Amino acid sequence: VVVGSREISEADIAAEMQYHPADSAGSAQLK
């Protein structure tokens, strides 16, 4: 996932997932 020239790491996405409950891990990851 890249915004402009900056890539958002998988670790950052994984850390953010706790704030986005969803019915599946994939949906939470996308949110």
All heavy atoms as atom14 arrays in JSON, in Angstrom:
{
  "sequence": "VVVGSREISEADIAAEMQYHPADSAGSAQLK",
  "atom14_mask": [
    [1, 1, 1, 1, 1, 1, 1, 0, 0, 0, 0, 0, 0, 0],
    [1, 1, 1, 1, 1, 1, 1, 0, 0, 0, 0, 0, 0, 0],
    [1, 1, 1, 1, 1, 1, 1, 0, 0, 0, 0, 0, 0, 0],
    [1, 1, 1, 1, 0, 0, 0, 0, 0, 0, 0, 0, 0, 0],
    [1, 1, 1, 1, 1, 1, 0, 0, 0, 0, 0, 0, 0, 0],
    [1, 1, 1, 1, 1, 1, 1, 1, 1, 1, 1, 0, 0, 0],
    [1, 1, 1, 1, 1, 1, 1, 1, 1, 0, 0, 0, 0, 0],
    [1, 1, 1, 1, 1, 1, 1, 1, 0, 0, 0, 0, 0, 0],
    [1, 1, 1, 1, 1, 1, 0, 0, 0, 0, 0, 0, 0, 0],
    [1, 1, 1, 1, 1, 1, 1, 1, 1, 0, 0, 0, 0, 0],
    [1, 1, 1, 1, 1, 0, 0, 0, 0, 0, 0, 0, 0, 0],
    [1, 1, 1, 1, 1, 1, 1, 1, 0, 0, 0, 0, 0, 0],
    [1, 1, 1, 1, 1, 1, 1, 1, 0, 0, 0, 0, 0, 0],
    [1, 1, 1, 1, 1, 0, 0, 0, 0, 0, 0, 0, 0, 0],
    [1, 1, 1, 1, 1, 0, 0, 0, 0, 0, 0, 0, 0, 0],
    [1, 1, 1, 1, 1, 1, 1, 1, 1, 0, 0, 0, 0, 0],
    [1, 1, 1, 1, 1, 1, 1, 1, 0, 0, 0, 0, 0, 0],
    [1, 1, 1, 1, 1, 1, 1, 1, 1, 0, 0, 0, 0, 0],
    [1, 1, 1, 1, 1, 1, 1, 1, 1, 1, 1, 1, 0, 0],
    [1, 1, 1, 1, 1, 1, 1, 1, 1, 1, 0, 0, 0, 0],
    [1, 1, 1, 1, 1, 1, 1, 0, 0, 0, 0, 0, 0, 0],
    [1, 1, 1, 1, 1, 0, 0, 0, 0, 0, 0, 0, 0, 0],
    [1, 1, 1, 1, 1, 1, 1, 1, 0, 0, 0, 0, 0, 0],
    [1, 1, 1, 1, 1, 1, 0, 0, 0, 0, 0, 0, 0, 0],
    [1, 1, 1, 1, 1, 0, 0, 0, 0, 0, 0, 0, 0, 0],
    [1, 1, 1, 1, 0, 0, 0, 0, 0, 0, 0, 0, 0, 0],
    [1, 1, 1, 1, 1, 1, 0, 0, 0, 0, 0, 0, 0, 0],
    [1, 1, 1, 1, 1, 0, 0, 0, 0, 0, 0, 0, 0, 0],
    [1, 1, 1, 1, 1, 1, 1, 1, 1, 0, 0, 0, 0, 0],
    [1, 1, 1, 1, 1, 1, 1, 1, 0, 0, 0, 0, 0, 0],
    [1, 1, 1, 1, 1, 1, 1, 1, 1, 0, 0, 0, 0, 0]
  ],
  "atom14_positions": [
    [[0.87, -1.17, 0.0], [0.0, 0.0, 0.0], [0.91, 1.23, 0.0], [1.73, 1.39, 0.9], [-0.94, 0.01, 1.23], [-1.77, 1.29, 1.25], [-1.84, -1.21, 1.21], [0.0, 0.0, 0.0], [0.0, 0.0, 0.0], [0.0, 0.0, 0.0], [0.0, 0.0, 0.0], [0.0, 0.0, 0.0], [0.0, 0.0, 0.0], [0.0, 0.0, 0.0]],
    [[0.76, 2.07, -1.02], [1.65, 3.21, -1.19], [0.82, 4.47, -1.36], [-0.15, 4.5, -2.13], [2.57, 3.02, -2.41], [3.52, 4.21, -2.56], [3.35, 1.73, -2.31], [0.0, 0.0, 0.0], [0.0, 0.0, 0.0], [0.0, 0.0, 0.0], [0.0, 0.0, 0.0], [0.0, 0.0, 0.0], [0.0, 0.0, 0.0], [0.0, 0.0, 0.0]],
    [[1.2, 5.52, -0.63], [0.57, 6.83, -0.75], [1.66, 7.81, -1.19], [2.62, 8.05, -0.45], [-0.04, 7.3, 0.58], [-0.69, 8.68, 0.41], [-1.06, 6.28, 1.08], [0.0, 0.0, 0.0], [0.0, 0.0, 0.0], [0.0, 0.0, 0.0], [0.0, 0.0, 0.0], [0.0, 0.0, 0.0], [0.0, 0.0, 0.0], [0.0, 0.0, 0.0]],
    [[1.5, 8.34, -2.4], [2.58, 9.17, -2.95], [3.82, 8.32, -3.11], [3.81, 7.3, -3.8], [0.0, 0.0, 0.0], [0.0, 0.0, 0.0], [0.0, 0.0, 0.0], [0.0, 0.0, 0.0], [0.0, 0.0, 0.0], [0.0, 0.0, 0.0], [0.0, 0.0, 0.0], [0.0, 0.0, 0.0], [0.0, 0.0, 0.0], [0.0, 0.0, 0.0]],
    [[4.88, 8.7, -2.44], [6.12, 7.93, -2.48], [6.34, 7.12, -1.2], [7.38, 6.48, -1.05], [7.32, 8.87, -2.7], [7.4, 9.82, -1.64], [0.0, 0.0, 0.0], [0.0, 0.0, 0.0], [0.0, 0.0, 0.0], [0.0, 0.0, 0.0], [0.0, 0.0, 0.0], [0.0, 0.0, 0.0], [0.0, 0.0, 0.0], [0.0, 0.0, 0.0]],
    [[5.38, 7.16, -0.27], [5.57, 6.5, 1.02], [4.76, 5.21, 1.08], [3.55, 5.2, 0.85], [5.16, 7.42, 2.16], [5.32, 6.78, 3.54], [4.97, 7.75, 4.65], [5.18, 7.14, 5.96], [4.26, 6.42, 6.61], [3.07, 6.25, 6.07], [4.54, 5.9, 7.79], [0.0, 0.0, 0.0], [0.0, 0.0, 0.0], [0.0, 0.0, 0.0]],
    [[5.44, 4.11, 1.41], [4.77, 2.83, 1.57], [4.31, 2.66, 3.01], [5.04, 2.98, 3.96], [5.71, 1.69, 1.2], [5.04, 0.32, 1.33], [5.91, -0.82, 0.82], [6.8, -0.54, -0.03], [5.71, -1.96, 1.27], [0.0, 0.0, 0.0], [0.0, 0.0, 0.0], [0.0, 0.0, 0.0], [0.0, 0.0, 0.0], [0.0, 0.0, 0.0]],
    [[3.09, 2.17, 3.17], [2.57, 1.86, 4.5], [2.86, 0.39, 4.75], [2.43, -0.49, 4.0], [1.06, 2.13, 4.57], [0.79, 3.62, 4.37], [0.49, 1.69, 5.92], [-0.68, 3.99, 4.31], [0.0, 0.0, 0.0], [0.0, 0.0, 0.0], [0.0, 0.0, 0.0], [0.0, 0.0, 0.0], [0.0, 0.0, 0.0], [0.0, 0.0, 0.0]],
    [[3.59, 0.11, 5.8], [4.07, -1.24, 6.04], [2.96, -2.16, 6.51], [1.95, -1.73, 7.08], [5.2, -1.22, 7.07], [4.68, -0.92, 8.37], [0.0, 0.0, 0.0], [0.0, 0.0, 0.0], [0.0, 0.0, 0.0], [0.0, 0.0, 0.0], [0.0, 0.0, 0.0], [0.0, 0.0, 0.0], [0.0, 0.0, 0.0], [0.0, 0.0, 0.0]],
    [[3.19, -3.46, 6.31], [2.24, -4.46, 6.79], [2.17, -4.42, 8.32], [1.1, -4.66, 8.91], [2.66, -5.85, 6.32], [2.52, -6.05, 4.82], [2.83, -7.48, 4.4], [2.67, -8.39, 5.25], [3.21, -7.69, 3.25], [0.0, 0.0, 0.0], [0.0, 0.0, 0.0], [0.0, 0.0, 0.0], [0.0, 0.0, 0.0], [0.0, 0.0, 0.0]],
    [[3.3, -4.1, 8.96], [3.31, -4.02, 10.42], [2.42, -2.89, 10.91], [1.69, -3.03, 11.9], [4.73, -3.82, 10.93], [0.0, 0.0, 0.0], [0.0, 0.0, 0.0], [0.0, 0.0, 0.0], [0.0, 0.0, 0.0], [0.0, 0.0, 0.0], [0.0, 0.0, 0.0], [0.0, 0.0, 0.0], [0.0, 0.0, 0.0], [0.0, 0.0, 0.0]],
    [[2.46, -1.75, 10.22], [1.6, -0.62, 10.61], [0.12, -0.99, 10.43], [-0.72, -0.64, 11.26], [1.94, 0.61, 9.78], [3.24, 1.26, 10.2], [3.7, 0.99, 11.33], [3.79, 2.05, 9.41], [0.0, 0.0, 0.0], [0.0, 0.0, 0.0], [0.0, 0.0, 0.0], [0.0, 0.0, 0.0], [0.0, 0.0, 0.0], [0.0, 0.0, 0.0]],
    [[-0.17, -1.68, 9.34], [-1.56, -2.09, 9.09], [-2.02, -3.07, 10.16], [-3.13, -2.97, 10.7], [-1.7, -2.71, 7.69], [-1.44, -1.63, 6.62], [-3.09, -3.32, 7.49], [-1.38, -2.18, 5.21], [0.0, 0.0, 0.0], [0.0, 0.0, 0.0], [0.0, 0.0, 0.0], [0.0, 0.0, 0.0], [0.0, 0.0, 0.0], [0.0, 0.0, 0.0]],
    [[-1.15, -4.02, 10.51], [-1.5, -5.01, 11.53], [-1.74, -4.34, 12.88], [-2.67, -4.7, 13.61], [-0.38, -6.05, 11.65], [0.0, 0.0, 0.0], [0.0, 0.0, 0.0], [0.0, 0.0, 0.0], [0.0, 0.0, 0.0], [0.0, 0.0, 0.0], [0.0, 0.0, 0.0], [0.0, 0.0, 0.0], [0.0, 0.0, 0.0], [0.0, 0.0, 0.0]],
    [[-0.92, -3.34, 13.21], [-1.1, -2.62, 14.49], [-2.4, -1.82, 14.5], [-3.03, -1.65, 15.55], [0.09, -1.71, 14.74], [0.0, 0.0, 0.0], [0.0, 0.0, 0.0], [0.0, 0.0, 0.0], [0.0, 0.0, 0.0], [0.0, 0.0, 0.0], [0.0, 0.0, 0.0], [0.0, 0.0, 0.0], [0.0, 0.0, 0.0], [0.0, 0.0, 0.0]],
    [[-2.8, -1.33, 13.35], [-4.02, -0.52, 13.23], [-5.29, -1.37, 13.29], [-6.37, -0.86, 13.65], [-3.98, 0.27, 11.91], [-5.18, 1.15, 11.62], [-5.25, 2.4, 12.49], [-4.23, 2.76, 13.11], [-6.33, 3.03, 12.54], [0.0, 0.0, 0.0], [0.0, 0.0, 0.0], [0.0, 0.0, 0.0], [0.0, 0.0, 0.0], [0.0, 0.0, 0.0]],
    [[-5.19, -2.66, 12.98], [-6.38, -3.5, 12.86], [-7.2, -3.58, 14.14], [-8.41, -3.76, 14.1], [-5.98, -4.91, 12.42], [-5.6, -5.02, 10.95], [-4.95, -6.65, 10.5], [-6.37, -7.71, 10.86], [0.0, 0.0, 0.0], [0.0, 0.0, 0.0], [0.0, 0.0, 0.0], [0.0, 0.0, 0.0], [0.0, 0.0, 0.0], [0.0, 0.0, 0.0]],
    [[-6.55, -3.43, 15.3], [-7.28, -3.54, 16.56], [-8.36, -2.47, 16.71], [-9.3, -2.64, 17.48], [-6.3, -3.41, 17.73], [-5.59, -2.07, 17.8], [-4.6, -1.99, 18.94], [-4.96, -2.27, 20.09], [-3.35, -1.62, 18.65], [0.0, 0.0, 0.0], [0.0, 0.0, 0.0], [0.0, 0.0, 0.0], [0.0, 0.0, 0.0], [0.0, 0.0, 0.0]],
    [[-8.25, -1.38, 15.97], [-9.22, -0.28, 16.07], [-10.37, -0.43, 15.07], [-11.24, 0.43, 14.99], [-8.53, 1.06, 15.85], [-7.37, 1.29, 16.78], [-6.05, 1.3, 16.3], [-7.56, 1.47, 18.14], [-4.98, 1.51, 17.15], [-6.48, 1.66, 19.0], [-5.2, 1.68, 18.5], [-4.14, 1.87, 19.35], [0.0, 0.0, 0.0], [0.0, 0.0, 0.0]],
    [[-10.36, -1.52, 14.29], [-11.35, -1.68, 13.22], [-11.95, -3.08, 13.27], [-11.63, -3.93, 12.44], [-10.69, -1.41, 11.87], [-10.03, -0.08, 11.79], [-10.72, 1.09, 11.52], [-8.73, 0.28, 12.01], [-9.87, 2.11, 11.56], [-8.67, 1.65, 11.85], [0.0, 0.0, 0.0], [0.0, 0.0, 0.0], [0.0, 0.0, 0.0], [0.0, 0.0, 0.0]],
    [[-12.83, -3.35, 14.24], [-13.44, -4.68, 14.32], [-14.25, -4.98, 13.06], [-14.88, -4.1, 12.48], [-14.35, -4.57, 15.55], [-14.58, -3.11, 15.74], [-13.32, -2.43, 15.27], [0.0, 0.0, 0.0], [0.0, 0.0, 0.0], [0.0, 0.0, 0.0], [0.0, 0.0, 0.0], [0.0, 0.0, 0.0], [0.0, 0.0, 0.0], [0.0, 0.0, 0.0]],
    [[-14.2, -6.23, 12.63], [-14.91, -6.65, 11.42], [-15.23, -8.13, 11.54], [-14.79, -8.81, 12.47], [-14.05, -6.37, 10.19], [0.0, 0.0, 0.0], [0.0, 0.0, 0.0], [0.0, 0.0, 0.0], [0.0, 0.0, 0.0], [0.0, 0.0, 0.0], [0.0, 0.0, 0.0], [0.0, 0.0, 0.0], [0.0, 0.0, 0.0], [0.0, 0.0, 0.0]],
    [[-16.01, -8.64, 10.59], [-16.43, -10.04, 10.64], [-15.36, -10.99, 10.14], [-15.54, -12.21, 10.18], [-17.73, -10.23, 9.85], [-17.61, -9.75, 8.4], [-16.49, -9.36, 7.99], [-18.63, -9.79, 7.69], [0.0, 0.0, 0.0], [0.0, 0.0, 0.0], [0.0, 0.0, 0.0], [0.0, 0.0, 0.0], [0.0, 0.0, 0.0], [0.0, 0.0, 0.0]],
    [[-14.24, -10.48, 9.64], [-13.13, -11.33, 9.21], [-11.84, -10.55, 9.31], [-11.83, -9.3, 9.31], [-13.34, -11.8, 7.76], [-13.19, -10.71, 6.86], [0.0, 0.0, 0.0], [0.0, 0.0, 0.0], [0.0, 0.0, 0.0], [0.0, 0.0, 0.0], [0.0, 0.0, 0.0], [0.0, 0.0, 0.0], [0.0, 0.0, 0.0], [0.0, 0.0, 0.0]],
    [[-10.72, -11.29, 9.38], [-9.42, -10.63, 9.44], [-9.14, -9.83, 8.18], [-8.54, -8.75, 8.23], [-8.33, -11.68, 9.66], [0.0, 0.0, 0.0], [0.0, 0.0, 0.0], [0.0, 0.0, 0.0], [0.0, 0.0, 0.0], [0.0, 0.0, 0.0], [0.0, 0.0, 0.0], [0.0, 0.0, 0.0], [0.0, 0.0, 0.0], [0.0, 0.0, 0.0]],
    [[-9.59, -10.35, 7.03], [-9.38, -9.63, 5.78], [-10.09, -8.28, 5.75], [-9.52, -7.28, 5.3], [0.0, 0.0, 0.0], [0.0, 0.0, 0.0], [0.0, 0.0, 0.0], [0.0, 0.0, 0.0], [0.0, 0.0, 0.0], [0.0, 0.0, 0.0], [0.0, 0.0, 0.0], [0.0, 0.0, 0.0], [0.0, 0.0, 0.0], [0.0, 0.0, 0.0]],
    [[-11.32, -8.26, 6.25], [-12.07, -7.0, 6.29], [-11.43, -6.01, 7.25], [-11.33, -4.81, 6.97], [-13.52, -7.25, 6.69], [-14.18, -8.02, 5.71], [0.0, 0.0, 0.0], [0.0, 0.0, 0.0], [0.0, 0.0, 0.0], [0.0, 0.0, 0.0], [0.0, 0.0, 0.0], [0.0, 0.0, 0.0], [0.0, 0.0, 0.0], [0.0, 0.0, 0.0]],
    [[-11.0, -6.51, 8.41], [-10.33, -5.63, 9.38], [-9.03, -5.08, 8.8], [-8.7, -3.91, 9.0], [-10.06, -6.4, 10.67], [0.0, 0.0, 0.0], [0.0, 0.0, 0.0], [0.0, 0.0, 0.0], [0.0, 0.0, 0.0], [0.0, 0.0, 0.0], [0.0, 0.0, 0.0], [0.0, 0.0, 0.0], [0.0, 0.0, 0.0], [0.0, 0.0, 0.0]],
    [[-8.29, -5.91, 8.07], [-7.04, -5.48, 7.45], [-7.3, -4.38, 6.43], [-6.58, -3.38, 6.37], [-6.34, -6.65, 6.79], [-4.97, -6.33, 6.2], [-4.36, -7.51, 5.5], [-5.04, -8.23, 4.76], [-3.07, -7.74, 5.73], [0.0, 0.0, 0.0], [0.0, 0.0, 0.0], [0.0, 0.0, 0.0], [0.0, 0.0, 0.0], [0.0, 0.0, 0.0]],
    [[-8.35, -4.54, 5.64], [-8.68, -3.54, 4.62], [-9.1, -2.22, 5.27], [-8.69, -1.14, 4.85], [-9.79, -4.06, 3.72], [-10.26, -3.1, 2.61], [-9.11, -2.71, 1.71], [-11.39, -3.72, 1.82], [0.0, 0.0, 0.0], [0.0, 0.0, 0.0], [0.0, 0.0, 0.0], [0.0, 0.0, 0.0], [0.0, 0.0, 0.0], [0.0, 0.0, 0.0]],
    [[-9.94, -2.31, 6.3], [-10.36, -1.1, 7.01], [-9.16, -0.38, 7.61], [-9.06, 0.85, 7.54], [-11.36, -1.45, 8.11], [-12.72, -1.87, 7.61], [-13.66, -2.11, 8.79], [-15.07, -2.44, 8.31], [-16.01, -2.57, 9.45], [0.0, 0.0, 0.0], [0.0, 0.0, 0.0], [0.0, 0.0, 0.0], [0.0, 0.0, 0.0], [0.0, 0.0, 0.0]]
  ]
}
